[in-house]
Amino acid sequence: MANSELENKDLDNDKLKIDGSVRDDFILTIATTDREEDVDFIENAIRQQNRLEAPSTQSKEPVKYNLVLKDSRGDVVGGVITTIYRYSMYVETLWIDEKYRKDGYGTQLMKQAEETAIAHGCTMMQLDTFNYQAPEFYKKLGFVQFGQLGYKEGFVRYYFTKAL
């Protein structure tokens, strides 16, 4: 279903049960949203549930750790964006401007990120990348593939982890 088909769709709920009782006056609506308060409400609700069910998983807030590579003029030519959560660093994005690729900057950024992960007590790093990006690069850095997803266009998304 396309997003436009989902917007403000009332579901057929003649006899919807809520708290064990049947409600004929209740209408469930599915609507797309980018309202911050809706997203915050949902994320906070799952965090609250997680605190009740698995308190140790909520003991630390995620920490963003980002490195930027700049040229002599101060222009951004690369960087790595990560999140540290509990004992793992997730590498969200690694990008190097094409004219600086193969010069070792990606390796330097990843090694610095790894050192930071270790300093924060992480025991692993994880990331995902597509077949047209850099799966072989991550293997050379010691990452191990643990999964993949194929897409109908022929793209493959690889999932990697590295024990620290």
C-alpha atoms as a PDB file:
ATOM      1  CA  MET A   1       0.000   0.000   0.000  1.00  0.00           C
ATOM      2  CA  ALA A   2       1.352   3.446  -0.878  1.00  0.00           C
ATOM      3  CA  ASN A   3       1.643   6.082   1.859  1.00  0.00           C
ATOM      4  CA  SER A   4      -1.218   8.065   0.320  1.00  0.00           C
ATOM      5  CA  GLU A   5      -3.449   4.999   0.649  1.00  0.00           C
ATOM      6  CA  LEU A   6      -2.641   4.728   4.358  1.00  0.00           C
ATOM      7  CA  GLU A   7      -3.398   8.308   5.255  1.00  0.00           C
ATOM      8  CA  ASN A   8      -6.425   8.695   7.488  1.00  0.00           C
ATOM      9  CA  LYS A   9      -7.864   5.271   6.807  1.00  0.00           C
ATOM     10  CA  ASP A  10     -10.623   4.182   9.179  1.00  0.00           C
ATOM     11  CA  LEU A  11     -10.502   0.474   9.882  1.00  0.00           C
ATOM     12  CA  ASP A  12     -13.617  -1.691  10.046  1.00  0.00           C
ATOM     13  CA  ASN A  13     -14.100  -2.190  13.783  1.00  0.00           C
ATOM     14  CA  ASP A  14     -17.790  -2.965  14.408  1.00  0.00           C
ATOM     15  CA  LYS A  15     -16.942  -4.892  17.572  1.00  0.00           C
ATOM     16  CA  LEU A  16     -13.518  -3.775  18.733  1.00  0.00           C
ATOM     17  CA  LYS A  17     -12.577  -5.129  22.171  1.00  0.00           C
ATOM     18  CA  ILE A  18     -10.846  -2.722  24.521  1.00  0.00           C
ATOM     19  CA  ASP A  19      -9.991  -3.839  28.065  1.00  0.00           C
ATOM     20  CA  GLY A  20     -12.220  -6.882  27.584  1.00  0.00           C
ATOM     21  CA  SER A  21     -15.337  -4.924  26.694  1.00  0.00           C
ATOM     22  CA  VAL A  22     -16.843  -4.393  23.252  1.00  0.00           C
ATOM     23  CA  ARG A  23     -16.962  -0.806  22.039  1.00  0.00           C
ATOM     24  CA  ASP A  24     -19.181   0.092  19.092  1.00  0.00           C
ATOM     25  CA  ASP A  25     -18.238   3.778  19.248  1.00  0.00           C
ATOM     26  CA  PHE A  26     -14.486   3.300  18.825  1.00  0.00           C
ATOM     27  CA  ILE A  27     -12.859   4.035  15.461  1.00  0.00           C
ATOM     28  CA  LEU A  28      -9.245   3.089  14.881  1.00  0.00           C
ATOM     29  CA  THR A  29      -7.539   5.383  12.395  1.00  0.00           C
ATOM     30  CA  ILE A  30      -4.198   4.777  10.718  1.00  0.00           C
ATOM     31  CA  ALA A  31      -2.550   7.956   9.504  1.00  0.00           C
ATOM     32  CA  THR A  32       0.944   8.897   8.421  1.00  0.00           C
ATOM     33  CA  THR A  33       2.633  11.333  10.762  1.00  0.00           C
ATOM     34  CA  ASP A  34       5.787  13.289  11.128  1.00  0.00           C
ATOM     35  CA  ARG A  35       4.508  15.147  14.183  1.00  0.00           C
ATOM     36  CA  GLU A  36       7.295  15.091  16.740  1.00  0.00           C
ATOM     37  CA  GLU A  37       4.894  14.655  19.652  1.00  0.00           C
ATOM     38  CA  ASP A  38       3.389  11.508  18.078  1.00  0.00           C
ATOM     39  CA  VAL A  39       6.820   9.992  17.442  1.00  0.00           C
ATOM     40  CA  ASP A  40       8.049  10.963  20.934  1.00  0.00           C
ATOM     41  CA  PHE A  41       4.946   9.429  22.522  1.00  0.00           C
ATOM     42  CA  ILE A  42       5.471   6.094  20.737  1.00  0.00           C
ATOM     43  CA  GLU A  43       9.223   5.984  21.459  1.00  0.00           C
ATOM     44  CA  ASN A  44       8.693   6.874  25.120  1.00  0.00           C
ATOM     45  CA  ALA A  45       5.967   4.235  25.448  1.00  0.00           C
ATOM     46  CA  ILE A  46       8.272   1.453  24.208  1.00  0.00           C
ATOM     47  CA  ARG A  47      11.101   2.706  26.448  1.00  0.00           C
ATOM     48  CA  GLN A  48       8.750   2.574  29.433  1.00  0.00           C
ATOM     49  CA  GLN A  49       7.732  -0.972  28.519  1.00  0.00           C
ATOM     50  CA  ASN A  50      11.405  -1.934  28.093  1.00  0.00           C
ATOM     51  CA  ARG A  51      12.243  -0.495  31.539  1.00  0.00           C
ATOM     52  CA  LEU A  52       9.574  -2.718  33.066  1.00  0.00           C
ATOM     53  CA  GLU A  53      10.424  -5.877  31.132  1.00  0.00           C
ATOM     54  CA  ALA A  54      14.219  -5.577  30.829  1.00  0.00           C
ATOM     55  CA  PRO A  55      15.517  -2.801  33.101  1.00  0.00           C
ATOM     56  CA  SER A  56      19.199  -3.427  32.378  1.00  0.00           C
ATOM     57  CA  THR A  57      18.682  -2.582  28.696  1.00  0.00           C
ATOM     58  CA  GLN A  58      17.624   0.936  29.640  1.00  0.00           C
ATOM     59  CA  SER A  59      20.428   1.719  32.084  1.00  0.00           C
ATOM     60  CA  LYS A  60      22.335   4.010  29.692  1.00  0.00           C
ATOM     61  CA  GLU A  61      21.196   6.618  27.214  1.00  0.00           C
ATOM     62  CA  PRO A  62      22.598   6.304  23.673  1.00  0.00           C
ATOM     63  CA  VAL A  63      25.619   8.522  22.951  1.00  0.00           C
ATOM     64  CA  LYS A  64      26.270  10.014  19.513  1.00  0.00           C
ATOM     65  CA  TYR A  65      29.930   9.980  18.444  1.00  0.00           C
ATOM     66  CA  ASN A  66      30.783  11.610  15.155  1.00  0.00           C
ATOM     67  CA  LEU A  67      34.070  12.373  13.395  1.00  0.00           C
ATOM     68  CA  VAL A  68      34.421  14.819  10.524  1.00  0.00           C
ATOM     69  CA  LEU A  69      37.222  14.872   7.949  1.00  0.00           C
ATOM     70  CA  LYS A  70      37.965  18.354   6.570  1.00  0.00           C
ATOM     71  CA  ASP A  71      40.353  19.566   3.904  1.00  0.00           C
ATOM     72  CA  SER A  72      42.790  22.485   4.315  1.00  0.00           C
ATOM     73  CA  ARG A  73      40.007  24.992   3.474  1.00  0.00           C
ATOM     74  CA  GLY A  74      37.764  23.561   6.195  1.00  0.00           C
ATOM     75  CA  ASP A  75      35.355  21.878   3.783  1.00  0.00           C
ATOM     76  CA  VAL A  76      33.865  18.561   4.915  1.00  0.00           C
ATOM     77  CA  VAL A  77      35.226  15.757   2.744  1.00  0.00           C
ATOM     78  CA  GLY A  78      34.180  12.796   4.875  1.00  0.00           C
ATOM     79  CA  GLY A  79      33.088  11.523   8.226  1.00  0.00           C
ATOM     80  CA  VAL A  80      31.688   8.747  10.338  1.00  0.00           C
ATOM     81  CA  ILE A  81      28.405   8.976  12.274  1.00  0.00           C
ATOM     82  CA  THR A  82      27.928   6.494  15.130  1.00  0.00           C
ATOM     83  CA  THR A  83      25.761   5.768  18.141  1.00  0.00           C
ATOM     84  CA  ILE A  84      27.081   4.033  21.252  1.00  0.00           C
ATOM     85  CA  TYR A  85      24.428   2.152  23.168  1.00  0.00           C
ATOM     86  CA  ARG A  86      25.276  -0.027  26.134  1.00  0.00           C
ATOM     87  CA  TYR A  87      28.086  -2.298  24.925  1.00  0.00           C
ATOM     88  CA  SER A  88      27.857  -1.673  21.185  1.00  0.00           C
ATOM     89  CA  MET A  89      28.791   1.027  18.693  1.00  0.00           C
ATOM     90  CA  TYR A  90      26.547   1.200  15.646  1.00  0.00           C
ATOM     91  CA  VAL A  91      28.178   2.817  12.606  1.00  0.00           C
ATOM     92  CA  GLU A  92      25.307   4.621  10.932  1.00  0.00           C
ATOM     93  CA  THR A  93      27.242   6.311   8.135  1.00  0.00           C
ATOM     94  CA  LEU A  94      30.785   6.365   6.799  1.00  0.00           C
ATOM     95  CA  TRP A  95      31.365   8.604   3.808  1.00  0.00           C
ATOM     96  CA  ILE A  96      34.495   9.880   2.083  1.00  0.00           C
ATOM     97  CA  ASP A  97      34.425  12.268  -0.871  1.00  0.00           C
ATOM     98  CA  GLU A  98      35.287  10.310  -4.017  1.00  0.00           C
ATOM     99  CA  LYS A  99      38.518  12.222  -4.685  1.00  0.00           C
ATOM    100  CA  TYR A 100      39.860  11.223  -1.233  1.00  0.00           C
ATOM    101  CA  ARG A 101      38.891   7.544  -1.361  1.00  0.00           C
ATOM    102  CA  LYS A 102      41.703   4.986  -1.413  1.00  0.00           C
ATOM    103  CA  ASP A 103      43.913   7.391   0.608  1.00  0.00           C
ATOM    104  CA  GLY A 104      43.303   5.626   3.948  1.00  0.00           C
ATOM    105  CA  TYR A 105      40.964   8.210   5.475  1.00  0.00           C
ATOM    106  CA  GLY A 106      38.085   5.761   5.870  1.00  0.00           C
ATOM    107  CA  THR A 107      40.396   3.341   7.676  1.00  0.00           C
ATOM    108  CA  GLN A 108      41.647   6.139   9.946  1.00  0.00           C
ATOM    109  CA  LEU A 109      38.109   7.243  10.806  1.00  0.00           C
ATOM    110  CA  MET A 110      37.012   3.672  11.533  1.00  0.00           C
ATOM    111  CA  LYS A 111      40.082   3.002  13.709  1.00  0.00           C
ATOM    112  CA  GLN A 112      39.401   6.174  15.703  1.00  0.00           C
ATOM    113  CA  ALA A 113      35.755   5.163  16.097  1.00  0.00           C
ATOM    114  CA  GLU A 114      36.849   1.699  17.259  1.00  0.00           C
ATOM    115  CA  GLU A 115      39.246   3.178  19.836  1.00  0.00           C
ATOM    116  CA  THR A 116      36.419   5.350  21.138  1.00  0.00           C
ATOM    117  CA  ALA A 117      34.077   2.353  21.305  1.00  0.00           C
ATOM    118  CA  ILE A 118      36.623   0.442  23.382  1.00  0.00           C
ATOM    119  CA  ALA A 119      37.169   3.469  25.660  1.00  0.00           C
ATOM    120  CA  HIS A 120      33.392   3.555  26.252  1.00  0.00           C
ATOM    121  CA  GLY A 121      33.361  -0.120  27.243  1.00  0.00           C
ATOM    122  CA  CYS A 122      31.884  -1.448  24.019  1.00  0.00           C
ATOM    123  CA  THR A 123      32.487  -5.105  23.255  1.00  0.00           C
ATOM    124  CA  MET A 124      31.304  -4.922  19.653  1.00  0.00           C
ATOM    125  CA  MET A 125      30.665  -2.691  16.664  1.00  0.00           C
ATOM    126  CA  GLN A 126      27.950  -3.213  14.083  1.00  0.00           C
ATOM    127  CA  LEU A 127      26.949  -1.709  10.756  1.00  0.00           C
ATOM    128  CA  ASP A 128      25.202  -2.393   7.496  1.00  0.00           C
ATOM    129  CA  THR A 129      26.209  -1.543   3.946  1.00  0.00           C
ATOM    130  CA  PHE A 130      25.043  -2.246   0.412  1.00  0.00           C
ATOM    131  CA  ASN A 131      26.832  -4.254  -2.271  1.00  0.00           C
ATOM    132  CA  TYR A 132      27.526  -1.035  -4.244  1.00  0.00           C
ATOM    133  CA  GLN A 133      29.133   0.583  -1.202  1.00  0.00           C
ATOM    134  CA  ALA A 134      32.000  -0.997   0.735  1.00  0.00           C
ATOM    135  CA  PRO A 135      31.426  -4.538   2.033  1.00  0.00           C
ATOM    136  CA  GLU A 136      34.989  -5.624   1.224  1.00  0.00           C
ATOM    137  CA  PHE A 137      36.398  -2.576   3.020  1.00  0.00           C
ATOM    138  CA  TYR A 138      34.669  -3.585   6.251  1.00  0.00           C
ATOM    139  CA  LYS A 139      35.873  -7.181   5.934  1.00  0.00           C
ATOM    140  CA  LYS A 140      39.471  -5.879   5.689  1.00  0.00           C
ATOM    141  CA  LEU A 141      38.864  -4.035   8.974  1.00  0.00           C
ATOM    142  CA  GLY A 142      37.889  -7.302  10.677  1.00  0.00           C
ATOM    143  CA  PHE A 143      34.105  -7.067  10.430  1.00  0.00           C
ATOM    144  CA  VAL A 144      32.239 -10.345   9.954  1.00  0.00           C
ATOM    145  CA  GLN A 145      29.061 -10.601   7.902  1.00  0.00           C
ATOM    146  CA  PHE A 146      26.152 -12.116   9.822  1.00  0.00           C
ATOM    147  CA  GLY A 147      23.252 -11.490   7.484  1.00  0.00           C
ATOM    148  CA  GLN A 148      22.033 -10.039   4.235  1.00  0.00           C
ATOM    149  CA  LEU A 149      18.859  -8.925   2.503  1.00  0.00           C
ATOM    150  CA  GLY A 150      18.277  -8.934  -1.234  1.00  0.00           C
ATOM    151  CA  TYR A 151      16.197  -6.309  -2.988  1.00  0.00           C
ATOM    152  CA  LYS A 152      14.322  -6.753  -6.258  1.00  0.00           C
ATOM    153  CA  GLU A 153      16.546  -4.199  -8.012  1.00  0.00           C
ATOM    154  CA  GLY A 154      19.516  -6.490  -7.427  1.00  0.00           C
ATOM    155  CA  PHE A 155      20.901  -4.581  -4.451  1.00  0.00           C
ATOM    156  CA  VAL A 156      22.111  -6.545  -1.450  1.00  0.00           C
ATOM    157  CA  ARG A 157      22.280  -5.129   2.082  1.00  0.00           C
ATOM    158  CA  TYR A 158      24.952  -6.750   4.245  1.00  0.00           C
ATOM    159  CA  TYR A 159      25.008  -6.751   8.049  1.00  0.00           C
ATOM    160  CA  PHE A 160      28.351  -6.824   9.827  1.00  0.00           C
ATOM    161  CA  THR A 161      29.662  -7.078  13.370  1.00  0.00           C
ATOM    162  CA  LYS A 162      33.100  -6.897  14.933  1.00  0.00           C
ATOM    163  CA  ALA A 163      34.083  -8.136  18.371  1.00  0.00           C
ATOM    164  CA  LEU A 164      36.251  -5.665  20.268  1.00  0.00           C
END
